[in-house]
C-alpha atoms as a PDB file:
ATOM      1  CA  MET A   1       6.520 -53.957 131.800  1.00  0.00           C
ATOM      2  CA  ARG A   2       5.932 -54.385 135.616  1.00  0.00           C
ATOM      3  CA  GLN A   3       8.891 -53.251 137.647  1.00  0.00           C
ATOM      4  CA  ILE A   4      10.155 -55.669 140.274  1.00  0.00           C
ATOM      5  CA  ILE A   5      11.631 -53.878 143.341  1.00  0.00           C
ATOM      6  CA  ILE A   6      14.032 -56.020 145.464  1.00  0.00           C
ATOM      7  CA  ASN A   7      14.311 -54.754 149.130  1.00  0.00           C
ATOM      8  CA  THR A   8      18.054 -55.101 150.043  1.00  0.00           C
ATOM      9  CA  ASP A   9      17.765 -53.648 153.526  1.00  0.00           C
ATOM     10  CA  VAL A  10      17.393 -57.146 155.228  1.00  0.00           C
ATOM     11  CA  GLY A  11      17.056 -56.855 158.797  1.00  0.00           C
ATOM     12  CA  GLN A  12      15.327 -53.488 158.533  1.00  0.00           C
ATOM     13  CA  GLY A  13      11.614 -53.341 159.975  1.00  0.00           C
ATOM     14  CA  LEU A  14      10.529 -54.280 163.424  1.00  0.00           C
ATOM     15  CA  GLY A  15       9.075 -57.567 162.563  1.00  0.00           C
ATOM     16  CA  HIS A  16      11.994 -58.911 160.568  1.00  0.00           C
ATOM     17  CA  PRO A  17      13.334 -62.238 162.092  1.00  0.00           C
ATOM     18  CA  LEU A  18      16.994 -61.174 161.934  1.00  0.00           C
ATOM     19  CA  GLN A  19      16.229 -57.871 163.702  1.00  0.00           C
ATOM     20  CA  ARG A  20      14.661 -59.819 166.370  1.00  0.00           C
ATOM     21  CA  ASN A  21      17.661 -62.089 166.710  1.00  0.00           C
ATOM     22  CA  LEU A  22      20.015 -59.188 167.067  1.00  0.00           C
ATOM     23  CA  LYS A  23      17.887 -57.492 169.661  1.00  0.00           C
ATOM     24  CA  THR A  24      17.789 -60.809 171.675  1.00  0.00           C
ATOM     25  CA  ASP A  25      21.497 -61.369 171.419  1.00  0.00           C
ATOM     26  CA  ASN A  26      22.350 -57.705 172.517  1.00  0.00           C
ATOM     27  CA  ILE A  27      19.930 -58.124 175.605  1.00  0.00           C
ATOM     28  CA  SER A  28      21.414 -61.489 176.667  1.00  0.00           C
ATOM     29  CA  TYR A  29      25.048 -60.083 176.381  1.00  0.00           C
ATOM     30  CA  MET A  30      24.136 -57.001 178.426  1.00  0.00           C
ATOM     31  CA  LYS A  31      22.562 -59.229 181.161  1.00  0.00           C
ATOM     32  CA  ARG A  32      25.667 -61.176 181.258  1.00  0.00           C
ATOM     33  CA  TYR A  33      27.802 -58.206 181.437  1.00  0.00           C
ATOM     34  CA  PHE A  34      25.885 -56.621 184.225  1.00  0.00           C
ATOM     35  CA  LEU A  35      25.593 -59.827 186.190  1.00  0.00           C
ATOM     36  CA  PHE A  36      29.473 -60.165 186.051  1.00  0.00           C
ATOM     37  CA  ALA A  37      29.919 -56.555 187.075  1.00  0.00           C
ATOM     38  CA  ALA A  38      27.454 -57.066 190.038  1.00  0.00           C
ATOM     39  CA  PHE A  39      29.307 -60.109 191.268  1.00  0.00           C
ATOM     40  CA  LEU A  40      32.634 -58.337 191.063  1.00  0.00           C
ATOM     41  CA  PHE A  41      31.393 -55.357 193.182  1.00  0.00           C
ATOM     42  CA  ALA A  42      29.767 -57.673 195.774  1.00  0.00           C
ATOM     43  CA  ALA A  43      32.902 -59.545 196.150  1.00  0.00           C
ATOM     44  CA  SER A  44      34.864 -56.397 196.518  1.00  0.00           C
ATOM     45  CA  LEU A  45      32.619 -55.360 199.269  1.00  0.00           C
ATOM     46  CA  LEU A  46      33.262 -58.795 201.083  1.00  0.00           C
ATOM     47  CA  PHE A  47      37.091 -58.374 200.519  1.00  0.00           C
ATOM     48  CA  LEU A  48      37.654 -54.667 201.400  1.00  0.00           C
ATOM     49  CA  PRO A  49      36.444 -54.783 205.100  1.00  0.00           C
ATOM     50  CA  SER A  50      38.317 -58.002 205.716  1.00  0.00           C
ATOM     51  CA  CYS A  51      41.656 -56.191 204.649  1.00  0.00           C
ATOM     52  CA  LYS A  52      40.802 -53.165 206.835  1.00  0.00           C
ATOM     53  CA  LYS A  53      40.164 -55.474 209.958  1.00  0.00           C
ATOM     54  CA  ASP A  54      43.692 -57.044 209.333  1.00  0.00           C
ATOM     55  CA  GLU A  55      45.395 -53.844 209.105  1.00  0.00           C
ATOM     56  CA  THR A  56      43.989 -52.208 212.197  1.00  0.00           C
ATOM     57  CA  SER A  57      43.623 -55.124 214.659  1.00  0.00           C
ATOM     58  CA  ALA A  58      46.870 -56.988 214.183  1.00  0.00           C
ATOM     59  CA  PRO A  59      49.077 -55.998 217.143  1.00  0.00           C
ATOM     60  CA  PRO A  60      52.783 -54.714 216.183  1.00  0.00           C
ATOM     61  CA  SER A  61      55.266 -57.341 215.891  1.00  0.00           C
ATOM     62  CA  ASN A  62      57.856 -55.491 217.790  1.00  0.00           C
ATOM     63  CA  PRO A  63      56.151 -53.102 220.403  1.00  0.00           C
ATOM     64  CA  ASP A  64      57.826 -51.076 222.984  1.00  0.00           C
ATOM     65  CA  ILE A  65      58.382 -51.623 226.761  1.00  0.00           C
ATOM     66  CA  THR A  66      58.942 -49.098 229.406  1.00  0.00           C
ATOM     67  CA  LEU A  67      60.861 -49.479 232.552  1.00  0.00           C
ATOM     68  CA  HIS A  68      60.222 -47.429 235.630  1.00  0.00           C
ATOM     69  CA  LEU A  69      63.106 -47.279 238.272  1.00  0.00           C
ATOM     70  CA  ALA A  70      62.282 -46.803 241.925  1.00  0.00           C
ATOM     71  CA  TYR A  71      64.343 -46.922 245.046  1.00  0.00           C
ATOM     72  CA  ALA A  72      63.869 -48.204 248.620  1.00  0.00           C
ATOM     73  CA  VAL A  73      65.541 -48.977 251.805  1.00  0.00           C
ATOM     74  CA  ASP A  74      64.011 -52.336 252.800  1.00  0.00           C
ATOM     75  CA  ASN A  75      60.394 -51.501 253.198  1.00  0.00           C
ATOM     76  CA  ASN A  76      60.847 -47.774 253.153  1.00  0.00           C
ATOM     77  CA  ILE A  77      60.842 -45.478 250.193  1.00  0.00           C
ATOM     78  CA  LEU A  78      64.353 -43.810 249.751  1.00  0.00           C
ATOM     79  CA  SER A  79      64.629 -40.268 250.874  1.00  0.00           C
ATOM     80  CA  THR A  80      67.979 -38.803 249.868  1.00  0.00           C
ATOM     81  CA  ASP A  81      70.037 -36.385 251.928  1.00  0.00           C
ATOM     82  CA  THR A  82      69.065 -37.655 255.272  1.00  0.00           C
ATOM     83  CA  LEU A  83      70.808 -39.858 257.720  1.00  0.00           C
ATOM     84  CA  LYS A  84      68.178 -42.195 258.954  1.00  0.00           C
ATOM     85  CA  TYR A  85      68.542 -45.772 257.527  1.00  0.00           C
ATOM     86  CA  THR A  86      70.351 -48.885 259.132  1.00  0.00           C
ATOM     87  CA  ASN A  87      72.001 -51.678 257.260  1.00  0.00           C
ATOM     88  CA  ALA A  88      72.641 -55.193 258.094  1.00  0.00           C
ATOM     89  CA  ALA A  89      75.699 -54.476 259.791  1.00  0.00           C
ATOM     90  CA  GLY A  90      74.088 -51.857 262.174  1.00  0.00           C
ATOM     91  CA  ASN A  91      75.609 -48.701 260.409  1.00  0.00           C
ATOM     92  CA  LEU A  92      73.363 -45.597 260.577  1.00  0.00           C
ATOM     93  CA  PHE A  93      73.626 -44.096 257.078  1.00  0.00           C
ATOM     94  CA  GLY A  94      71.989 -42.007 254.483  1.00  0.00           C
ATOM     95  CA  VAL A  95      72.138 -41.725 250.568  1.00  0.00           C
ATOM     96  CA  TRP A  96      73.282 -38.203 249.051  1.00  0.00           C
ATOM     97  CA  HIS A  97      74.286 -39.565 245.432  1.00  0.00           C
ATOM     98  CA  LEU A  98      73.513 -42.597 243.417  1.00  0.00           C
ATOM     99  CA  GLU A  99      74.629 -42.984 239.843  1.00  0.00           C
ATOM    100  CA  TYR A 100      75.074 -45.999 237.771  1.00  0.00           C
ATOM    101  CA  TYR A 101      74.805 -47.511 234.228  1.00  0.00           C
ATOM    102  CA  LEU A 102      72.357 -50.138 233.232  1.00  0.00           C
ATOM    103  CA  SER A 103      72.845 -52.214 230.059  1.00  0.00           C
ATOM    104  CA  GLY A 104      72.631 -55.671 228.478  1.00  0.00           C
ATOM    105  CA  PHE A 105      68.906 -56.070 228.758  1.00  0.00           C
ATOM    106  CA  ALA A 106      67.443 -59.462 227.712  1.00  0.00           C
ATOM    107  CA  PHE A 107      64.055 -61.196 228.107  1.00  0.00           C
ATOM    108  CA  MET A 108      63.659 -65.108 228.242  1.00  0.00           C
ATOM    109  CA  ASP A 109      60.597 -66.075 226.395  1.00  0.00           C
ATOM    110  CA  ASP A 110      58.517 -69.205 227.316  1.00  0.00           C
ATOM    111  CA  LYS A 111      60.488 -71.349 225.054  1.00  0.00           C
ATOM    112  CA  GLY A 112      63.782 -70.591 226.892  1.00  0.00           C
ATOM    113  CA  VAL A 113      65.139 -68.300 224.116  1.00  0.00           C
ATOM    114  CA  TRP A 114      66.753 -64.796 225.258  1.00  0.00           C
ATOM    115  CA  TRP A 115      65.888 -61.664 223.235  1.00  0.00           C
ATOM    116  CA  LYS A 116      68.208 -59.040 223.606  1.00  0.00           C
ATOM    117  CA  THR A 117      67.112 -55.276 223.572  1.00  0.00           C
ATOM    118  CA  GLY A 118      68.160 -51.704 224.409  1.00  0.00           C
ATOM    119  CA  SER A 119      71.488 -50.147 224.712  1.00  0.00           C
ATOM    120  CA  GLU A 120      73.407 -48.599 227.751  1.00  0.00           C
ATOM    121  CA  TYR A 121      71.627 -46.104 230.078  1.00  0.00           C
ATOM    122  CA  TYR A 122      73.144 -43.650 232.528  1.00  0.00           C
ATOM    123  CA  VAL A 123      70.923 -43.352 235.622  1.00  0.00           C
ATOM    124  CA  ASN A 124      70.811 -40.701 238.468  1.00  0.00           C
ATOM    125  CA  VAL A 125      68.419 -41.173 241.372  1.00  0.00           C
ATOM    126  CA  LYS A 126      67.971 -37.487 241.447  1.00  0.00           C
ATOM    127  CA  THR A 127      67.315 -36.988 237.801  1.00  0.00           C
ATOM    128  CA  PRO A 128      63.653 -38.230 237.032  1.00  0.00           C
ATOM    129  CA  LYS A 129      64.093 -38.534 233.348  1.00  0.00           C
ATOM    130  CA  THR A 130      66.967 -40.970 233.752  1.00  0.00           C
ATOM    131  CA  ASN A 131      64.795 -43.314 235.770  1.00  0.00           C
ATOM    132  CA  THR A 132      62.534 -44.185 232.894  1.00  0.00           C
ATOM    133  CA  ILE A 133      64.008 -46.352 230.243  1.00  0.00           C
ATOM    134  CA  GLY A 134      62.453 -47.255 226.913  1.00  0.00           C
ATOM    135  CA  LEU A 135      63.396 -50.484 225.220  1.00  0.00           C
ATOM    136  CA  THR A 136      62.228 -51.482 221.635  1.00  0.00           C
ATOM    137  CA  ASP A 137      62.147 -54.352 219.352  1.00  0.00           C
ATOM    138  CA  LEU A 138      60.937 -56.831 221.827  1.00  0.00           C
ATOM    139  CA  PRO A 139      58.647 -59.371 219.988  1.00  0.00           C
ATOM    140  CA  VAL A 140      55.086 -60.024 221.419  1.00  0.00           C
ATOM    141  CA  GLY A 141      55.121 -63.242 223.829  1.00  0.00           C
ATOM    142  CA  LYS A 142      55.226 -64.351 227.280  1.00  0.00           C
ATOM    143  CA  TYR A 143      58.452 -63.901 229.180  1.00  0.00           C
ATOM    144  CA  SER A 144      59.581 -65.409 232.432  1.00  0.00           C
ATOM    145  CA  LYS A 145      63.029 -63.845 233.095  1.00  0.00           C
ATOM    146  CA  LEU A 146      64.537 -60.506 232.792  1.00  0.00           C
ATOM    147  CA  LYS A 147      68.465 -60.119 232.855  1.00  0.00           C
ATOM    148  CA  PHE A 148      70.732 -56.887 232.529  1.00  0.00           C
ATOM    149  CA  PHE A 149      73.855 -55.505 233.798  1.00  0.00           C
ATOM    150  CA  ILE A 150      74.790 -52.774 236.241  1.00  0.00           C
ATOM    151  CA  GLY A 151      77.686 -51.395 234.579  1.00  0.00           C
ATOM    152  CA  LEU A 152      78.909 -51.585 230.894  1.00  0.00           C
ATOM    153  CA  PRO A 153      80.092 -54.681 228.815  1.00  0.00           C
ATOM    154  CA  ALA A 154      83.818 -54.775 228.060  1.00  0.00           C
ATOM    155  CA  GLU A 155      83.391 -53.457 224.492  1.00  0.00           C
ATOM    156  CA  ARG A 156      81.678 -50.364 225.868  1.00  0.00           C
ATOM    157  CA  ASN A 157      83.801 -50.111 228.988  1.00  0.00           C
ATOM    158  CA  LEU A 158      86.598 -48.242 227.244  1.00  0.00           C
ATOM    159  CA  THR A 159      87.811 -44.642 227.733  1.00  0.00           C
ATOM    160  CA  ASP A 160      85.786 -42.241 225.479  1.00  0.00           C
ATOM    161  CA  ALA A 161      83.646 -44.951 224.279  1.00  0.00           C
ATOM    162  CA  LEU A 162      80.402 -43.190 225.274  1.00  0.00           C
ATOM    163  CA  PRO A 163      79.220 -39.726 224.129  1.00  0.00           C
ATOM    164  CA  ALA A 164      81.215 -37.064 225.846  1.00  0.00           C
ATOM    165  CA  THR A 165      78.184 -35.747 227.988  1.00  0.00           C
ATOM    166  CA  ALA A 166      78.894 -34.099 231.435  1.00  0.00           C
ATOM    167  CA  GLU A 167      77.302 -37.178 232.983  1.00  0.00           C
ATOM    168  CA  ASN A 168      79.480 -39.858 231.264  1.00  0.00           C
ATOM    169  CA  LEU A 169      82.612 -37.615 231.731  1.00  0.00           C
ATOM    170  CA  ASN A 170      81.817 -37.396 235.451  1.00  0.00           C
ATOM    171  CA  MET A 171      81.373 -41.394 235.371  1.00  0.00           C
ATOM    172  CA  ALA A 172      84.937 -41.747 233.849  1.00  0.00           C
ATOM    173  CA  TRP A 173      87.253 -44.356 235.477  1.00  0.00           C
ATOM    174  CA  PRO A 174      90.921 -43.363 235.626  1.00  0.00           C
ATOM    175  CA  ASP A 175      93.051 -44.679 232.947  1.00  0.00           C
ATOM    176  CA  ILE A 176      95.750 -45.558 235.551  1.00  0.00           C
ATOM    177  CA  MET A 177      93.277 -47.828 237.103  1.00  0.00           C
ATOM    178  CA  GLY A 178      92.190 -49.485 233.887  1.00  0.00           C
ATOM    179  CA  GLY A 179      90.019 -46.867 232.136  1.00  0.00           C
ATOM    180  CA  GLY A 180      86.421 -46.972 231.142  1.00  0.00           C
ATOM    181  CA  TYR A 181      83.635 -45.866 233.332  1.00  0.00           C
ATOM    182  CA  HIS A 182      82.310 -46.185 236.851  1.00  0.00           C
ATOM    183  CA  PHE A 183      79.618 -48.755 236.903  1.00  0.00           C
ATOM    184  CA  LEU A 184      78.106 -47.649 240.333  1.00  0.00           C
ATOM    185  CA  LYS A 185      78.566 -44.543 242.506  1.00  0.00           C
ATOM    186  CA  LEU A 186      76.733 -45.003 245.787  1.00  0.00           C
ATOM    187  CA  GLU A 187      77.619 -42.070 248.165  1.00  0.00           C
ATOM    188  CA  GLY A 188      76.528 -40.761 251.499  1.00  0.00           C
ATOM    189  CA  TYR A 189      77.323 -40.419 255.164  1.00  0.00           C
ATOM    190  CA  PHE A 190      77.277 -42.769 258.127  1.00  0.00           C
ATOM    191  CA  LYS A 191      77.877 -42.772 262.011  1.00  0.00           C
ATOM    192  CA  ASP A 192      81.125 -44.416 262.724  1.00  0.00           C
ATOM    193  CA  SER A 193      81.786 -46.741 265.884  1.00  0.00           C
ATOM    194  CA  ILE A 194      82.532 -43.584 268.052  1.00  0.00           C
ATOM    195  CA  GLY A 195      79.215 -41.762 266.741  1.00  0.00           C
ATOM    196  CA  LYS A 196      81.256 -39.375 264.355  1.00  0.00           C
ATOM    197  CA  THR A 197      79.703 -38.602 260.893  1.00  0.00           C
ATOM    198  CA  GLN A 198      81.911 -39.864 258.035  1.00  0.00           C
ATOM    199  CA  GLY A 199      81.528 -39.999 254.439  1.00  0.00           C
ATOM    200  CA  PHE A 200      81.427 -43.175 252.359  1.00  0.00           C
ATOM    201  CA  ALA A 201      81.872 -43.920 248.506  1.00  0.00           C
ATOM    202  CA  MET A 202      80.846 -47.182 247.253  1.00  0.00           C
ATOM    203  CA  HIS A 203      82.420 -47.213 243.738  1.00  0.00           C
ATOM    204  CA  VAL A 204      82.589 -50.084 241.545  1.00  0.00           C
ATOM    205  CA  GLY A 205      84.387 -50.204 238.057  1.00  0.00           C
ATOM    206  CA  ASN A 206      86.586 -52.567 235.656  1.00  0.00           C
ATOM    207  CA  SER A 207      85.042 -55.002 233.386  1.00  0.00           C
ATOM    208  CA  LYS A 208      85.794 -58.006 235.742  1.00  0.00           C
ATOM    209  CA  ASN A 209      83.460 -56.397 238.215  1.00  0.00           C
ATOM    210  CA  LEU A 210      80.393 -56.136 235.857  1.00  0.00           C
ATOM    211  CA  ILE A 211      77.177 -56.964 237.913  1.00  0.00           C
ATOM    212  CA  THR A 212      74.688 -59.342 236.479  1.00  0.00           C
ATOM    213  CA  VAL A 213      71.125 -59.154 237.587  1.00  0.00           C
ATOM    214  CA  GLU A 214      68.692 -61.927 236.631  1.00  0.00           C
ATOM    215  CA  ILE A 215      65.200 -61.729 238.182  1.00  0.00           C
ATOM    216  CA  PRO A 216      61.850 -63.686 237.586  1.00  0.00           C
ATOM    217  CA  ILE A 217      58.974 -61.925 235.841  1.00  0.00           C
ATOM    218  CA  MET A 218      55.570 -62.670 234.653  1.00  0.00           C
ATOM    219  CA  LEU A 219      55.279 -60.638 231.337  1.00  0.00           C
ATOM    220  CA  ASN A 220      52.675 -61.166 228.658  1.00  0.00           C
ATOM    221  CA  HIS A 221      54.157 -58.771 226.073  1.00  0.00           C
ATOM    222  CA  GLY A 222      51.582 -57.893 223.517  1.00  0.00           C
ATOM    223  CA  GLY A 223      51.538 -54.170 223.441  1.00  0.00           C
ATOM    224  CA  ASN A 224      53.217 -51.243 225.055  1.00  0.00           C
ATOM    225  CA  SER A 225      54.252 -52.915 228.273  1.00  0.00           C
ATOM    226  CA  VAL A 226      55.097 -51.326 231.401  1.00  0.00           C
ATOM    227  CA  MET A 227      57.425 -52.655 234.131  1.00  0.00           C
ATOM    228  CA  ASN A 228      58.520 -51.287 237.558  1.00  0.00           C
ATOM    229  CA  LEU A 229      61.739 -52.123 239.039  1.00  0.00           C
ATOM    230  CA  GLN A 230      62.793 -51.174 242.522  1.00  0.00           C
ATOM    231  CA  MET A 231      66.250 -51.232 243.768  1.00  0.00           C
ATOM    232  CA  ASN A 232      66.662 -51.910 247.539  1.00  0.00           C
ATOM    233  CA  ILE A 233      69.791 -49.761 248.728  1.00  0.00           C
ATOM    234  CA  ASN A 234      70.372 -52.256 251.792  1.00  0.00           C
ATOM    235  CA  GLU A 235      70.926 -55.185 249.494  1.00  0.00           C
ATOM    236  CA  TRP A 236      74.261 -53.643 248.497  1.00  0.00           C
ATOM    237  CA  PHE A 237      75.452 -54.245 251.951  1.00  0.00           C
ATOM    238  CA  VAL A 238      74.262 -57.859 252.554  1.00  0.00           C
ATOM    239  CA  HIS A 239      73.885 -61.406 250.707  1.00  0.00           C
ATOM    240  CA  PRO A 240      76.366 -62.834 250.461  1.00  0.00           C
ATOM    241  CA  TYR A 241      78.438 -60.219 252.428  1.00  0.00           C
ATOM    242  CA  THR A 242      77.594 -58.108 255.283  1.00  0.00           C
ATOM    243  CA  TYR A 243      79.230 -54.886 254.433  1.00  0.00           C
ATOM    244  CA  ASN A 244      80.239 -52.961 257.511  1.00  0.00           C
ATOM    245  CA  PHE A 245      81.615 -49.284 256.906  1.00  0.00           C
ATOM    246  CA  ASN A 246      83.691 -49.687 260.185  1.00  0.00           C
ATOM    247  CA  VAL A 247      85.383 -52.982 259.131  1.00  0.00           C
ATOM    248  CA  GLN A 248      85.612 -53.229 255.431  1.00  0.00           C
ATOM    249  CA  GLY A 249      86.097 -49.527 254.957  1.00  0.00           C
ATOM    250  CA  ASN A 250      84.032 -46.468 253.635  1.00  0.00           C
ATOM    251  CA  TYR A 251      85.799 -46.282 250.248  1.00  0.00           C
ATOM    252  CA  THR A 252      85.959 -49.043 247.711  1.00  0.00           C
ATOM    253  CA  MET A 253      87.376 -47.621 244.548  1.00  0.00           C
ATOM    254  CA  GLY A 254      90.425 -49.522 243.377  1.00  0.00           C
ATOM    255  CA  VAL A 255      90.097 -52.075 246.158  1.00  0.00           C
ATOM    256  CA  ASP A 256      89.363 -55.419 244.091  1.00  0.00           C
ATOM    257  CA  SER A 257      88.272 -57.438 247.002  1.00  0.00           C
ATOM    258  CA  LEU A 258      85.799 -54.639 248.163  1.00  0.00           C
ATOM    259  CA  MET A 259      84.476 -54.147 244.631  1.00  0.00           C
ATOM    260  CA  ASN A 260      84.040 -57.908 244.310  1.00  0.00           C
ATOM    261  CA  GLN A 261      81.958 -57.922 247.601  1.00  0.00           C
ATOM    262  CA  LEU A 262      79.645 -55.279 246.173  1.00  0.00           C
ATOM    263  CA  LYS A 263      79.519 -57.071 242.718  1.00  0.00           C
ATOM    264  CA  GLN A 264      78.222 -60.098 244.333  1.00  0.00           C
ATOM    265  CA  ASN A 265      75.838 -58.232 246.711  1.00  0.00           C
ATOM    266  CA  GLY A 266      74.470 -56.329 243.734  1.00  0.00           C
ATOM    267  CA  SER A 267      73.076 -59.279 241.997  1.00  0.00           C
ATOM    268  CA  ASP A 268      69.969 -59.066 243.719  1.00  0.00           C
ATOM    269  CA  VAL A 269      69.367 -55.388 244.597  1.00  0.00           C
ATOM    270  CA  PHE A 270      66.643 -55.101 242.028  1.00  0.00           C
ATOM    271  CA  LYS A 271      62.969 -56.726 242.150  1.00  0.00           C
ATOM    272  CA  VAL A 272      59.792 -56.200 240.066  1.00  0.00           C
ATOM    273  CA  ILE A 273      57.086 -54.266 241.856  1.00  0.00           C
ATOM    274  CA  PRO A 274      53.337 -53.618 240.898  1.00  0.00           C
END
């Protein structure tokens, strides 16, 4: 009897149709897989540089601004400890000490919105580090006005409200006269009406005598901006009141009428310089 052998290994053999179909399907699947992977890789190359550009080129939303303070007597740079300046009243005088506080900084943007920044700052003409003020959290934008106080706002003008540093303690205003702090100490010497050298002390204190300064600026704030502010000492003695040491007096502390004159004169002692 002839033996019949049935091959059950269907799909075996290189020429079998089923084998050819399986190989074709595998190749097609691998092509689709590699094409999809290549697409994802190419897309990632396009996306990643874009993210990196955004991260490195976008300016900070609230960069810093630095104020440098300078001093002059009209068109001359202030030299302390020398008797060589003349004010509007004709007094020959010199400045030996100048200390004050600045606070309440605010910038007005091009939409008329005021942005407050900073805190309170002690300034001494003879201490360079106090004549640089760093302000933070001012949004980028264009600003047309700067406003601040010479002195301290009422909520900070309280006895012992500031840290007990030597500078703040030296600026204390006597409790018997209302407490708080001196807003201004401008001291020196002058020649009186008979040519004798006398001392003067222009002191301002009490919350009602807080001095408001508002000046026009042109600030396009988009990074770490710098502004230079100059105080003209002679402006303390003119506009609207011409202050004469021989007439009004050479000491103002506790004299409301004289401190009020300095308050009003002080509103334009600062200006922006290059």
